[in-house]
Amino acid sequence: MAIQSSSAMLGIITLASQGLISLPDGIAMMLGAEIGTCTDTLVATVGRSRSAVRAGIFHLAFNF
């Protein structure tokens, strides 16, 4: 969840392609970044309508 930037993900891909991080580590970072982008959406749904919460949960499920 700490990495939410596509630029940072490009850096991770570069590190993995050069063998500086392992494939499992790179995959874990990628999944964390994908799910991390959902945190902003989920925080924004607090106190909103049921439809907004549903949209936030769908966003999380889609990225997961």
N, C-alpha and C. Protein backbone atom coordinates (compact mmCIF):
# COMPACT_ATOMS: atom_id res chain seq x y z
N MET A 1 0.82 -1.20 0.00
CA MET A 1 0.00 0.00 0.00
C MET A 1 0.86 1.26 0.00
N ALA A 2 2.12 1.13 0.30
CA ALA A 2 2.97 2.31 0.36
C ALA A 2 3.30 2.86 -1.01
N ILE A 3 3.31 2.00 -2.01
CA ILE A 3 3.65 2.45 -3.37
C ILE A 3 2.36 2.59 -4.16
N GLN A 4 2.00 3.82 -4.48
CA GLN A 4 0.79 4.07 -5.23
C GLN A 4 1.08 4.75 -6.56
N SER A 5 2.32 4.98 -6.84
CA SER A 5 2.71 5.73 -8.02
C SER A 5 3.10 4.81 -9.16
N SER A 6 2.61 5.11 -10.37
CA SER A 6 3.01 4.32 -11.52
C SER A 6 4.48 4.54 -11.83
N SER A 7 5.01 5.70 -11.50
CA SER A 7 6.44 5.95 -11.71
C SER A 7 7.27 5.05 -10.80
N ALA A 8 6.83 4.88 -9.57
CA ALA A 8 7.54 3.99 -8.66
C ALA A 8 7.46 2.55 -9.15
N MET A 9 6.33 2.18 -9.72
CA MET A 9 6.19 0.83 -10.26
C MET A 9 7.15 0.62 -11.42
N LEU A 10 7.35 1.63 -12.23
CA LEU A 10 8.31 1.53 -13.33
C LEU A 10 9.72 1.29 -12.77
N GLY A 11 10.04 1.94 -11.68
CA GLY A 11 11.32 1.71 -11.02
C GLY A 11 11.46 0.29 -10.52
N ILE A 12 10.39 -0.27 -9.97
CA ILE A 12 10.41 -1.64 -9.48
C ILE A 12 10.60 -2.61 -10.64
N ILE A 13 9.92 -2.35 -11.76
CA ILE A 13 10.08 -3.19 -12.94
C ILE A 13 11.52 -3.14 -13.43
N THR A 14 12.11 -1.96 -13.41
CA THR A 14 13.51 -1.81 -13.83
C THR A 14 14.43 -2.59 -12.90
N LEU A 15 14.21 -2.50 -11.59
CA LEU A 15 15.03 -3.25 -10.64
C LEU A 15 14.90 -4.75 -10.87
N ALA A 16 13.68 -5.21 -11.13
CA ALA A 16 13.47 -6.63 -11.35
C ALA A 16 14.13 -7.09 -12.64
N SER A 17 14.05 -6.27 -13.68
CA SER A 17 14.65 -6.67 -14.96
C SER A 17 16.17 -6.74 -14.89
N GLN A 18 16.75 -5.97 -13.97
CA GLN A 18 18.21 -6.00 -13.80
C GLN A 18 18.65 -7.02 -12.76
N GLY A 19 17.68 -7.74 -12.18
CA GLY A 19 18.00 -8.78 -11.22
C GLY A 19 18.33 -8.28 -9.83
N LEU A 20 17.98 -7.03 -9.54
CA LEU A 20 18.29 -6.47 -8.22
C LEU A 20 17.27 -6.87 -7.16
N ILE A 21 16.08 -7.26 -7.59
CA ILE A 21 15.08 -7.82 -6.68
C ILE A 21 14.56 -9.10 -7.33
N SER A 22 14.08 -10.01 -6.51
CA SER A 22 13.60 -11.29 -7.04
C SER A 22 12.19 -11.14 -7.61
N LEU A 23 11.80 -12.11 -8.42
CA LEU A 23 10.47 -12.09 -9.02
C LEU A 23 9.36 -12.10 -7.97
N PRO A 24 9.43 -12.97 -6.94
CA PRO A 24 8.38 -12.94 -5.91
C PRO A 24 8.28 -11.58 -5.19
N ASP A 25 9.44 -10.96 -4.94
CA ASP A 25 9.42 -9.64 -4.30
C ASP A 25 8.77 -8.60 -5.21
N GLY A 26 9.10 -8.66 -6.49
CA GLY A 26 8.52 -7.74 -7.45
C GLY A 26 7.02 -7.91 -7.58
N ILE A 27 6.56 -9.16 -7.60
CA ILE A 27 5.12 -9.43 -7.68
C ILE A 27 4.41 -8.93 -6.43
N ALA A 28 5.01 -9.16 -5.26
CA ALA A 28 4.41 -8.68 -4.02
C ALA A 28 4.30 -7.15 -4.02
N MET A 29 5.32 -6.47 -4.50
CA MET A 29 5.28 -5.00 -4.57
C MET A 29 4.23 -4.53 -5.56
N MET A 30 4.11 -5.22 -6.69
CA MET A 30 3.12 -4.84 -7.68
C MET A 30 1.70 -5.00 -7.13
N LEU A 31 1.44 -6.13 -6.48
CA LEU A 31 0.11 -6.34 -5.90
C LEU A 31 -0.19 -5.33 -4.80
N GLY A 32 0.81 -5.03 -3.99
CA GLY A 32 0.62 -4.01 -2.95
C GLY A 32 0.31 -2.65 -3.54
N ALA A 33 0.94 -2.32 -4.64
CA ALA A 33 0.68 -1.03 -5.30
C ALA A 33 -0.72 -0.99 -5.88
N GLU A 34 -1.15 -2.08 -6.49
CA GLU A 34 -2.49 -2.13 -7.07
C GLU A 34 -3.56 -1.97 -5.98
N ILE A 35 -3.39 -2.68 -4.90
CA ILE A 35 -4.35 -2.59 -3.80
C ILE A 35 -4.20 -1.26 -3.07
N GLY A 36 -2.98 -0.72 -3.03
CA GLY A 36 -2.73 0.56 -2.38
C GLY A 36 -3.47 1.71 -3.04
N THR A 37 -3.69 1.62 -4.35
CA THR A 37 -4.43 2.68 -5.03
C THR A 37 -5.88 2.74 -4.56
N CYS A 38 -6.34 1.65 -3.98
CA CYS A 38 -7.73 1.61 -3.50
C CYS A 38 -7.91 2.31 -2.16
N THR A 39 -6.84 2.55 -1.42
CA THR A 39 -6.99 3.14 -0.10
C THR A 39 -7.58 4.54 -0.17
N ASP A 40 -7.17 5.32 -1.17
CA ASP A 40 -7.75 6.66 -1.31
C ASP A 40 -9.25 6.59 -1.56
N THR A 41 -9.64 5.66 -2.42
CA THR A 41 -11.06 5.50 -2.74
C THR A 41 -11.84 5.06 -1.52
N LEU A 42 -11.31 4.10 -0.78
CA LEU A 42 -12.03 3.59 0.39
C LEU A 42 -12.14 4.66 1.48
N VAL A 43 -11.11 5.44 1.67
CA VAL A 43 -11.17 6.53 2.65
C VAL A 43 -12.20 7.56 2.23
N ALA A 44 -12.30 7.81 0.93
CA ALA A 44 -13.25 8.80 0.43
C ALA A 44 -14.70 8.34 0.60
N THR A 45 -14.93 7.04 0.75
CA THR A 45 -16.30 6.55 0.89
C THR A 45 -16.83 6.64 2.31
N VAL A 46 -15.97 6.94 3.27
CA VAL A 46 -16.41 7.01 4.67
C VAL A 46 -17.46 8.11 4.82
N GLY A 47 -18.62 7.72 5.33
CA GLY A 47 -19.70 8.67 5.55
C GLY A 47 -20.49 9.02 4.29
N ARG A 48 -20.26 8.31 3.20
CA ARG A 48 -20.97 8.57 1.94
C ARG A 48 -22.15 7.63 1.80
N SER A 49 -22.83 7.76 0.68
CA SER A 49 -24.00 6.93 0.42
C SER A 49 -23.61 5.47 0.20
N ARG A 50 -24.61 4.63 0.26
CA ARG A 50 -24.39 3.20 0.04
C ARG A 50 -23.82 2.94 -1.36
N SER A 51 -24.25 3.70 -2.35
CA SER A 51 -23.74 3.54 -3.71
C SER A 51 -22.25 3.88 -3.79
N ALA A 52 -21.83 4.90 -3.07
CA ALA A 52 -20.43 5.28 -3.07
C ALA A 52 -19.57 4.20 -2.42
N VAL A 53 -20.06 3.65 -1.32
CA VAL A 53 -19.34 2.57 -0.64
C VAL A 53 -19.25 1.35 -1.56
N ARG A 54 -20.35 1.05 -2.24
CA ARG A 54 -20.36 -0.07 -3.17
C ARG A 54 -19.33 0.12 -4.29
N ALA A 55 -19.24 1.34 -4.79
CA ALA A 55 -18.27 1.64 -5.84
C ALA A 55 -16.84 1.47 -5.32
N GLY A 56 -16.58 1.90 -4.09
CA GLY A 56 -15.26 1.73 -3.50
C GLY A 56 -14.89 0.28 -3.31
N ILE A 57 -15.83 -0.52 -2.88
CA ILE A 57 -15.59 -1.95 -2.69
C ILE A 57 -15.38 -2.64 -4.03
N PHE A 58 -16.14 -2.23 -5.04
CA PHE A 58 -15.94 -2.79 -6.38
C PHE A 58 -14.54 -2.45 -6.90
N HIS A 59 -14.10 -1.23 -6.67
CA HIS A 59 -12.77 -0.81 -7.09
C HIS A 59 -11.70 -1.69 -6.43
N LEU A 60 -11.85 -1.97 -5.15
CA LEU A 60 -10.92 -2.84 -4.44
C LEU A 60 -10.96 -4.25 -5.01
N ALA A 61 -12.16 -4.79 -5.20
CA ALA A 61 -12.30 -6.17 -5.73
C ALA A 61 -11.72 -6.27 -7.13
N PHE A 62 -11.93 -5.26 -7.95
CA PHE A 62 -11.41 -5.28 -9.32
C PHE A 62 -9.88 -5.28 -9.32
N ASN A 63 -9.28 -4.46 -8.47
CA ASN A 63 -7.82 -4.40 -8.42
C ASN A 63 -7.21 -5.63 -7.76
N PHE A 64 -7.97 -6.24 -6.86
CA PHE A 64 -7.45 -7.44 -6.20
C PHE A 64 -7.47 -8.61 -7.17
